[in-house]
Protein backbone atom coordinates (compact mmCIF):
# COMPACT_ATOMS: atom_id res chain seq x y z
CA UNK A 1 0.33 0.36 0.01
CA UNK A 2 1.16 3.56 -0.69
CA UNK A 3 0.64 6.13 1.71
CA UNK A 4 -0.52 8.91 -0.50
CA UNK A 5 -3.98 10.01 0.80
CA UNK A 6 -7.42 11.84 -0.63
CA UNK A 7 -8.09 13.20 2.75
CA UNK A 8 -7.75 16.75 2.54
CA UNK A 9 -4.82 18.55 4.40
CA UNK A 10 -7.19 20.25 6.66
CA UNK A 11 -8.89 16.88 8.19
CA UNK A 12 -5.90 14.91 8.12
CA UNK A 13 -4.21 17.78 10.32
CA UNK A 14 -6.77 18.19 12.69
CA UNK A 15 -6.62 14.32 13.47
CA UNK A 16 -2.81 14.31 14.21
CA UNK A 17 -2.85 16.70 16.30
CA UNK A 18 -5.43 15.06 18.30
CA UNK A 19 -3.50 11.67 17.79
CA UNK A 20 -0.66 13.53 19.14
CA UNK A 21 -2.36 15.04 22.17
CA UNK A 22 -3.36 11.72 23.53
CA UNK A 23 -0.04 11.26 24.78
CA UNK A 24 -0.44 13.56 26.97
CA UNK A 25 -4.34 13.32 27.97
CA UNK A 26 -5.06 9.60 27.50
CA UNK A 27 -8.79 10.39 27.64
CA UNK A 28 -8.26 12.00 24.44
CA UNK A 29 -8.08 8.44 22.58
CA UNK A 30 -11.29 8.08 22.26
CA UNK A 31 -11.96 11.11 20.47
CA UNK A 32 -9.22 10.38 18.15
CA UNK A 33 -10.43 6.94 17.70
CA UNK A 34 -14.14 8.38 16.61
CA UNK A 35 -12.10 10.56 14.16
CA UNK A 36 -10.45 8.41 12.42
CA UNK A 37 -13.57 6.01 11.67
CA UNK A 38 -15.19 8.72 10.58
CA UNK A 39 -12.26 9.55 7.80
CA UNK A 40 -12.44 5.80 7.18
CA UNK A 41 -16.34 5.82 7.35
CA UNK A 42 -16.05 3.17 9.59
CA UNK A 43 -18.45 1.53 12.86
CA UNK A 44 -15.82 2.54 15.65
CA UNK A 45 -12.08 1.92 16.79
CA UNK A 46 -10.01 0.36 20.05
CA UNK A 47 -7.07 1.03 21.29
CA UNK A 48 -5.69 -1.35 24.07
CA UNK A 49 -2.47 -2.35 25.85
CA UNK A 50 -2.70 -6.12 26.59
CA UNK A 51 -0.91 -9.28 27.70
CA UNK A 52 -2.68 -12.64 26.41
CA UNK A 53 -0.30 -15.07 28.59
CA UNK A 54 -1.64 -13.15 31.65
CA UNK A 55 -4.95 -12.70 30.52
CA UNK A 56 -4.81 -8.98 31.52
CA UNK A 57 -5.68 -5.53 29.94
CA UNK A 58 -3.57 -3.04 31.03
CA UNK A 59 -5.67 -0.03 29.04
CA UNK A 60 -8.22 0.15 26.64
CA UNK A 61 -9.67 3.41 25.37
CA UNK A 62 -13.12 3.41 23.24
CA UNK A 63 -14.05 5.32 19.85
CA UNK A 64 -17.62 4.21 19.51
CA UNK A 65 -17.68 0.74 20.22
CA UNK A 66 -19.63 -1.19 22.69
CA UNK A 67 -18.84 -1.66 25.91
CA UNK A 68 -20.58 -4.70 26.88
CA UNK A 69 -19.15 -6.22 24.29
CA UNK A 70 -16.03 -4.78 25.11
CA UNK A 71 -15.43 -6.52 28.49
CA UNK A 72 -16.89 -9.61 27.02
CA UNK A 73 -13.81 -9.59 25.09
CA UNK A 74 -11.83 -8.97 28.27
CA UNK A 75 -13.39 -11.89 30.03
CA UNK A 76 -13.77 -14.60 27.16
CA UNK A 77 -11.51 -13.48 23.91
CA UNK A 78 -8.75 -12.05 24.71
CA UNK A 79 -7.37 -15.09 22.33
CA UNK A 80 -9.08 -15.14 19.35
CA UNK A 81 -8.25 -15.32 15.06
CA UNK A 82 -7.39 -11.88 14.73
CA UNK A 83 -5.02 -11.75 18.02
CA UNK A 84 -3.75 -14.84 17.43
CA UNK A 85 -2.68 -13.86 13.61
CA UNK A 86 -1.28 -10.03 14.66
CA UNK A 87 1.19 -12.05 17.32
CA UNK A 88 3.37 -12.54 14.22
CA UNK A 89 2.72 -9.49 12.09
CA UNK A 90 5.50 -6.80 12.23
CA UNK A 91 4.85 -3.62 14.41
CA UNK A 92 3.04 -0.53 12.80
CA UNK A 93 1.82 -2.75 9.80
CA UNK A 94 -1.69 -2.40 8.71
CA UNK A 95 -3.33 -5.64 8.86
CA UNK A 96 -6.78 -6.18 7.00
CA UNK A 97 -8.87 -8.55 9.11
CA UNK A 98 -9.99 -10.64 6.09
CA UNK A 99 -6.11 -11.71 5.75
CA UNK A 100 -5.93 -13.18 9.14
CA UNK A 101 -9.76 -15.12 8.46
CA UNK A 102 -12.13 -15.01 6.19
CA UNK A 103 -15.46 -13.78 7.25
CA UNK A 104 -17.71 -17.16 6.77
CA UNK A 105 -14.68 -18.87 8.92
CA UNK A 106 -15.02 -15.89 11.14
CA UNK A 107 -18.69 -16.56 11.81
CA UNK A 108 -18.33 -19.83 12.49
CA UNK A 109 -16.24 -18.61 15.59
CA UNK A 110 -17.90 -17.85 19.39
CA UNK A 111 -15.75 -14.61 19.31
CA UNK A 112 -17.69 -13.54 16.15
CA UNK A 113 -21.08 -14.64 18.34
CA UNK A 114 -20.30 -13.07 21.09
CA UNK A 115 -18.02 -10.18 20.56
CA UNK A 116 -18.57 -9.30 17.16
CA UNK A 117 -22.27 -10.06 15.59
CA UNK A 118 -23.82 -8.14 18.77
CA UNK A 119 -21.96 -5.02 17.19
CA UNK A 120 -22.51 -5.86 14.09
CA UNK A 121 -19.09 -5.69 13.17
CA UNK A 122 -17.60 -7.89 10.44
CA UNK A 123 -14.40 -6.11 9.09
CA UNK A 124 -11.52 -4.98 10.98
CA UNK A 125 -8.06 -3.13 10.03
CA UNK A 126 -5.84 -3.53 12.63
CA UNK A 127 -2.18 -2.41 13.68
CA UNK A 128 0.51 -3.70 16.32
CA UNK A 129 1.88 0.01 18.17
CA UNK A 130 3.82 -1.62 20.41
CA UNK A 131 5.32 -5.40 21.16
CA UNK A 132 7.46 -6.48 23.72
CA UNK A 133 7.81 -9.66 25.32
CA UNK A 134 3.93 -10.99 25.39
CA UNK A 135 3.02 -6.94 25.86
CA UNK A 136 1.44 -5.49 22.90
CA UNK A 137 -0.52 -2.54 22.27
CA UNK A 138 -2.75 -2.31 19.63
CA UNK A 139 -5.17 -0.50 16.85
CA UNK A 140 -7.98 -1.66 15.80
CA UNK A 141 -10.42 0.42 13.59
CA UNK A 142 -13.67 -1.86 12.78
CA UNK A 143 -16.33 -1.73 9.78
CA UNK A 144 -19.76 -3.34 9.67
CA UNK A 145 -20.38 -6.33 7.15
CA UNK A 146 -22.64 -3.83 5.23
CA UNK A 147 -19.84 -1.16 5.14
CA UNK A 148 -17.69 -3.62 3.56
CA UNK A 149 -13.81 -4.63 3.70
CA UNK A 150 -11.25 -1.43 3.53
CA UNK A 151 -11.38 0.11 -0.11
CA UNK A 152 -7.95 1.09 -1.10
CA UNK A 153 -8.00 4.91 -0.27
CA UNK A 154 -8.86 3.81 3.55
CA UNK A 155 -6.16 1.48 4.07
CA UNK A 156 -3.63 3.95 2.46
CA UNK A 157 -4.86 6.31 5.48
CA UNK A 158 -4.70 3.86 7.85
CA UNK A 159 -1.02 3.20 6.49
CA UNK A 160 -0.52 7.15 6.56
CA UNK A 161 -1.61 7.29 10.13
CA UNK A 162 0.39 3.68 11.47
CA UNK A 163 3.70 5.74 11.88
CA UNK A 164 2.01 9.20 14.03
CA UNK A 165 -0.40 6.11 16.35
CA UNK A 166 3.03 4.87 17.07
CA UNK A 167 4.83 8.03 17.80
CA UNK A 168 1.80 8.85 20.09
CA UNK A 169 2.37 5.64 22.13
CA UNK A 170 5.57 6.14 22.47
CA UNK A 171 5.57 9.76 23.54
CA UNK A 172 3.00 8.44 26.18
CA UNK A 173 5.16 6.10 27.72
CA UNK A 174 7.73 9.33 27.78
CA UNK A 175 4.42 11.27 29.31
CA UNK A 176 6.62 13.23 32.20
CA UNK A 177 9.23 14.31 29.37
CA UNK A 178 6.74 15.02 26.79
CA UNK A 179 4.16 17.13 29.41
CA UNK A 180 7.31 19.11 30.24
CA UNK A 181 7.79 19.53 26.68
CA UNK A 182 4.13 20.94 26.55
CA UNK A 183 4.47 23.23 28.89
CA UNK A 184 7.86 24.21 28.43
CA UNK A 185 9.11 23.03 32.00
CA UNK A 186 12.66 23.42 31.58
CA UNK A 187 13.19 23.00 35.47
CA UNK A 188 11.46 19.49 35.01
CA UNK A 189 13.09 19.04 31.44
CA UNK A 190 16.52 19.16 33.50
CA UNK A 191 15.90 16.73 36.23
CA UNK A 192 14.87 13.60 33.38
CA UNK A 193 17.06 10.63 33.35
CA UNK A 194 16.17 10.47 29.67
CA UNK A 195 18.43 12.81 27.25
CA UNK A 196 16.52 15.96 25.68
CA UNK A 197 17.07 17.84 23.20
CA UNK A 198 15.34 20.14 20.47
CA UNK A 199 16.22 21.35 17.51
CA UNK A 200 15.26 24.61 15.74
CA UNK A 201 13.69 24.85 11.99
CA UNK A 202 17.40 24.92 10.60
CA UNK A 203 18.28 21.62 12.58
CA UNK A 204 20.26 23.67 14.87
CA UNK A 205 20.20 22.58 18.59
CA UNK A 206 18.27 24.93 20.76
CA UNK A 207 17.96 23.16 23.68
CA UNK A 208 19.75 20.22 25.35
CA UNK A 209 19.16 19.36 29.19
CA UNK A 210 21.48 17.77 31.35
CA UNK A 211 21.01 14.08 30.74
CA UNK A 212 21.67 14.93 26.85
CA UNK A 213 24.86 17.10 27.38
CA UNK A 214 26.41 14.12 29.90
CA UNK A 215 25.84 11.91 27.04
CA UNK A 216 27.98 14.23 25.04
CA UNK A 217 30.72 14.59 27.38
CA UNK A 218 30.65 11.22 26.78
CA UNK A 219 31.18 10.96 23.48
CA UNK A 220 28.41 9.35 22.57
CA UNK A 221 26.61 12.68 21.11
CA UNK A 222 27.98 15.28 19.62
CA UNK A 223 25.48 18.67 20.06
CA UNK A 224 27.80 21.03 17.68
CA UNK A 225 25.08 23.55 15.51
CA UNK A 226 23.68 19.66 13.98
CA UNK A 227 23.32 16.72 16.27
CA UNK A 228 25.28 13.53 15.47
CA UNK A 229 26.58 11.10 17.01
CA UNK A 230 30.47 9.14 17.34
CA UNK A 231 29.01 6.78 14.62
CA UNK A 232 28.79 7.58 10.71
CA UNK A 233 26.22 5.55 10.12
CA UNK A 234 23.99 6.12 12.81
CA UNK A 235 24.59 9.62 12.51
CA UNK A 236 23.04 9.47 9.07
CA UNK A 237 20.16 7.26 10.86
CA UNK A 238 19.69 10.01 12.66
CA UNK A 239 20.08 12.87 10.14
CA UNK A 240 17.16 10.83 8.32
CA UNK A 241 14.77 10.83 11.02
CA UNK A 242 15.19 13.97 11.98
CA UNK A 243 14.75 15.27 8.02
CA UNK A 244 11.41 13.25 8.08
CA UNK A 245 10.22 14.94 11.46
CA UNK A 246 11.11 18.49 10.20
CA UNK A 247 8.83 17.50 6.99
CA UNK A 248 5.53 16.81 8.79
CA UNK A 249 6.31 12.96 9.32
CA UNK A 250 6.28 10.97 12.48
CA UNK A 251 9.95 10.74 12.94
CA UNK A 252 11.11 7.82 14.22
CA UNK A 253 13.37 5.63 17.05
CA UNK A 254 16.68 4.08 16.51
CA UNK A 255 19.36 2.10 18.41
CA UNK A 256 22.46 3.67 19.65
CA UNK A 257 25.25 1.19 20.85
CA UNK A 258 27.00 2.27 23.88
CA UNK A 259 30.84 2.79 22.44
CA UNK A 260 32.03 1.13 25.77
CA UNK A 261 29.99 -1.42 26.55
CA UNK A 262 27.87 -2.04 23.67
CA UNK A 263 24.63 -1.32 26.01
CA UNK A 264 22.18 0.03 23.47
CA UNK A 265 20.67 3.85 23.94
CA UNK A 266 17.17 4.41 22.19
CA UNK A 267 16.72 7.73 20.32
CA UNK A 268 13.24 8.89 19.63
CA UNK A 269 12.95 11.77 17.13
CA UNK A 270 9.09 13.40 16.71
CA UNK A 271 7.83 16.55 15.50
CA UNK A 272 6.29 19.27 17.50
CA UNK A 273 3.08 19.70 17.25
CA UNK A 274 1.54 23.10 15.91
CA UNK A 275 0.00 23.87 19.62
CA UNK A 276 3.02 23.45 21.23
CA UNK A 277 4.83 25.88 19.10
CA UNK A 278 3.27 29.25 20.60
CA UNK A 279 4.15 27.56 24.66
CA UNK A 280 7.95 27.17 23.27
CA UNK A 281 8.43 30.32 21.59
CA UNK A 282 6.60 31.90 24.85
CA UNK A 283 9.34 30.63 26.99
CA UNK A 284 12.39 32.00 24.78
CA UNK A 285 12.61 29.07 22.23
CA UNK A 286 12.06 30.50 18.79
CA UNK A 287 11.38 28.24 15.76
CA UNK A 288 11.54 24.90 17.62
CA UNK A 289 10.22 22.02 15.22
CA UNK A 290 12.07 18.80 16.50
CA UNK A 291 12.26 16.74 19.94
CA UNK A 292 15.03 14.42 20.52
CA UNK A 293 14.66 12.03 23.65
CA UNK A 294 17.69 9.41 24.25
CA UNK A 295 17.03 7.29 27.10
CA UNK A 296 19.92 4.73 28.06
CA UNK A 297 18.96 1.62 30.21
CA UNK A 298 21.70 2.47 32.63
CA UNK A 299 19.80 5.79 34.02
CA UNK A 300 16.29 3.94 33.99
CA UNK A 301 15.82 5.36 37.89
CA UNK A 302 12.24 5.08 40.29
CA UNK A 303 10.68 8.33 39.16
CA UNK A 304 9.74 10.85 42.33
CA UNK A 305 6.50 10.67 43.66
CA UNK A 306 6.13 14.19 43.32
CA UNK A 307 5.91 13.70 39.01
CA UNK A 308 3.09 11.34 39.73
CA UNK A 309 1.18 13.72 41.83
CA UNK A 310 1.63 16.48 38.85
CA UNK A 311 0.84 14.38 36.58
CA UNK A 312 -2.53 13.38 37.64
CA UNK A 313 -3.14 16.35 40.37
CA UNK A 314 -3.09 13.46 43.68
CA UNK A 315 -1.76 13.57 47.22
CA UNK A 316 1.55 12.29 48.23
CA UNK A 317 -0.91 9.84 50.39
CA UNK A 318 -3.27 9.12 46.98
CA UNK A 319 0.03 8.69 44.84
CA UNK A 320 1.39 6.40 47.12
CA UNK A 321 -1.56 4.05 47.00
CA UNK A 322 -1.59 4.74 43.11
CA UNK A 323 1.52 3.13 42.82
CA UNK A 324 0.92 0.31 45.13
CA UNK A 325 -2.08 -0.98 43.86
CA UNK A 326 -0.80 -0.53 39.92
CA UNK A 327 1.45 -3.45 40.78
CA UNK A 328 -1.10 -5.79 40.99
CA UNK A 329 -1.18 -5.62 45.00
CA UNK A 330 -4.94 -6.54 46.38
CA UNK A 331 -6.53 -4.14 48.95
CA UNK A 332 -4.89 -6.19 52.12
CA UNK A 333 -1.92 -6.33 50.47
CA UNK A 334 -1.75 -2.57 49.58
CA UNK A 335 -2.93 -2.08 53.03
CA UNK A 336 -0.53 -4.19 54.77
CA UNK A 337 2.70 -2.57 52.55
CA UNK A 338 1.83 1.09 53.57
CA UNK A 339 0.43 0.65 57.02
CA UNK A 340 -3.14 1.55 56.37
CA UNK A 341 -6.48 0.21 57.13
CA UNK A 342 -7.92 -1.44 53.89
CA UNK A 343 -10.79 0.70 53.90
CA UNK A 344 -8.39 4.02 53.75
CA UNK A 345 -7.27 2.45 51.10
CA UNK A 346 -10.21 2.22 48.99
CA UNK A 347 -10.97 5.98 50.13
CA UNK A 348 -7.65 6.84 48.68
CA UNK A 349 -8.56 4.49 45.32
CA UNK A 350 -11.71 5.88 44.40
CA UNK A 351 -10.18 9.24 44.85
CA UNK A 352 -7.70 8.03 42.41
CA UNK A 353 -9.89 6.59 40.48
CA UNK A 354 -11.92 9.92 39.88
CA UNK A 355 -8.90 11.83 39.40
CA UNK A 356 -7.16 9.51 36.52
CA UNK A 357 -10.60 8.77 34.86
CA UNK A 358 -9.88 4.98 35.24
CA UNK A 359 -12.34 2.27 36.59
CA UNK A 360 -10.26 -0.37 37.81
CA UNK A 361 -6.80 -1.79 38.71
CA UNK A 362 -5.53 -2.56 35.09
CA UNK A 363 -6.08 0.69 33.58
CA UNK A 364 -4.55 2.93 36.16
CA UNK A 365 -1.44 0.09 35.86
CA UNK A 366 -1.55 1.81 32.33
CA UNK A 367 -1.36 5.10 32.89
CA UNK A 368 1.37 4.30 36.16
CA UNK A 369 3.04 2.72 33.14
CA UNK A 370 3.40 5.73 31.06
CA UNK A 371 4.63 7.98 33.65
CA UNK A 372 7.57 5.16 34.18
CA UNK A 373 8.57 2.25 36.03
CA UNK A 374 8.56 2.98 39.85
CA UNK A 375 9.67 0.96 42.67
CA UNK A 376 7.58 1.29 45.65
CA UNK A 377 9.75 1.08 48.18
CA UNK A 378 11.54 3.76 46.93
CA UNK A 379 8.92 5.89 45.21
CA UNK A 380 9.86 9.08 47.02
CA UNK A 381 13.19 8.90 46.41
CA UNK A 382 14.54 12.17 44.42
CA UNK A 383 16.62 11.85 41.41
């Protein structure tokens, strides 16, 4: 499939802005999925993160699909002909459901009878957005039997959106840094374990935080006028990603081996969306265009409790309960861990669910995962 689409640039830009806004505001995913459904003349869409082996859904966002059927899916049909087929598909590749199983064969399954038929769904456009071990984050855009399979133009649109959806999900996992960029909170950026670099439209560096400058002092990065690495080949790959982001594409990710011990650093490159430019310009960063995150696995540290509090407006007590609950502990286990009564834990959890717009611990775990991997024992240790 080629990525040329016949949808107006204005409509595409509105959808892209919404898709990138979801990285910082997860509750916007429903609106983004609905907007994509309208563009592709589909019934609705859903995005979820799950582990089939653990039989656990960590987060799900629904755009105009039936919630009752979604619950049936979570209870009995996480493993189905579509999900089994997608386990072997490349991340980022749009897959049409008829490729996974012919519709007459799908009609014979309990998955169809209990999840799809009640909604009138017969066709699906599926994209794996992230995969690690048994965890999958997946995008689904569903169509009725009357709407029929996706037409070529709609398939091209899904292909065009795929890298942007992946980038938004990846940014969501780096939500602490992305939120700080959105609000031009440079004091927060300086504290992050990840390197953060901002380039202007001429691809000159206009900001690099402490972590990025440290990587430069170690010889891994070069932060002169044009950002590069110690390796010519990797510098070329980085330059290609930066140019892609400058032209409005989704950018991308790449790995950079450490020149001392060979551990892999990850560099995430993305364009800065139009609505964020004004904030950065007001903060004195003129003409900002491209954002780079440089993630070093050796620098994984617990996110300070204050950042969890800031991200969702939680009190310190609520944040501690949220962290404990998101790790899968029961009410009783959380109470013993935090030396509080079960009733107090329940009260804090109700407030946490209300503030984070979640309804169960699995959803809460997805949000906490987005902020970062936090160890309960030293959750309030400062960097």
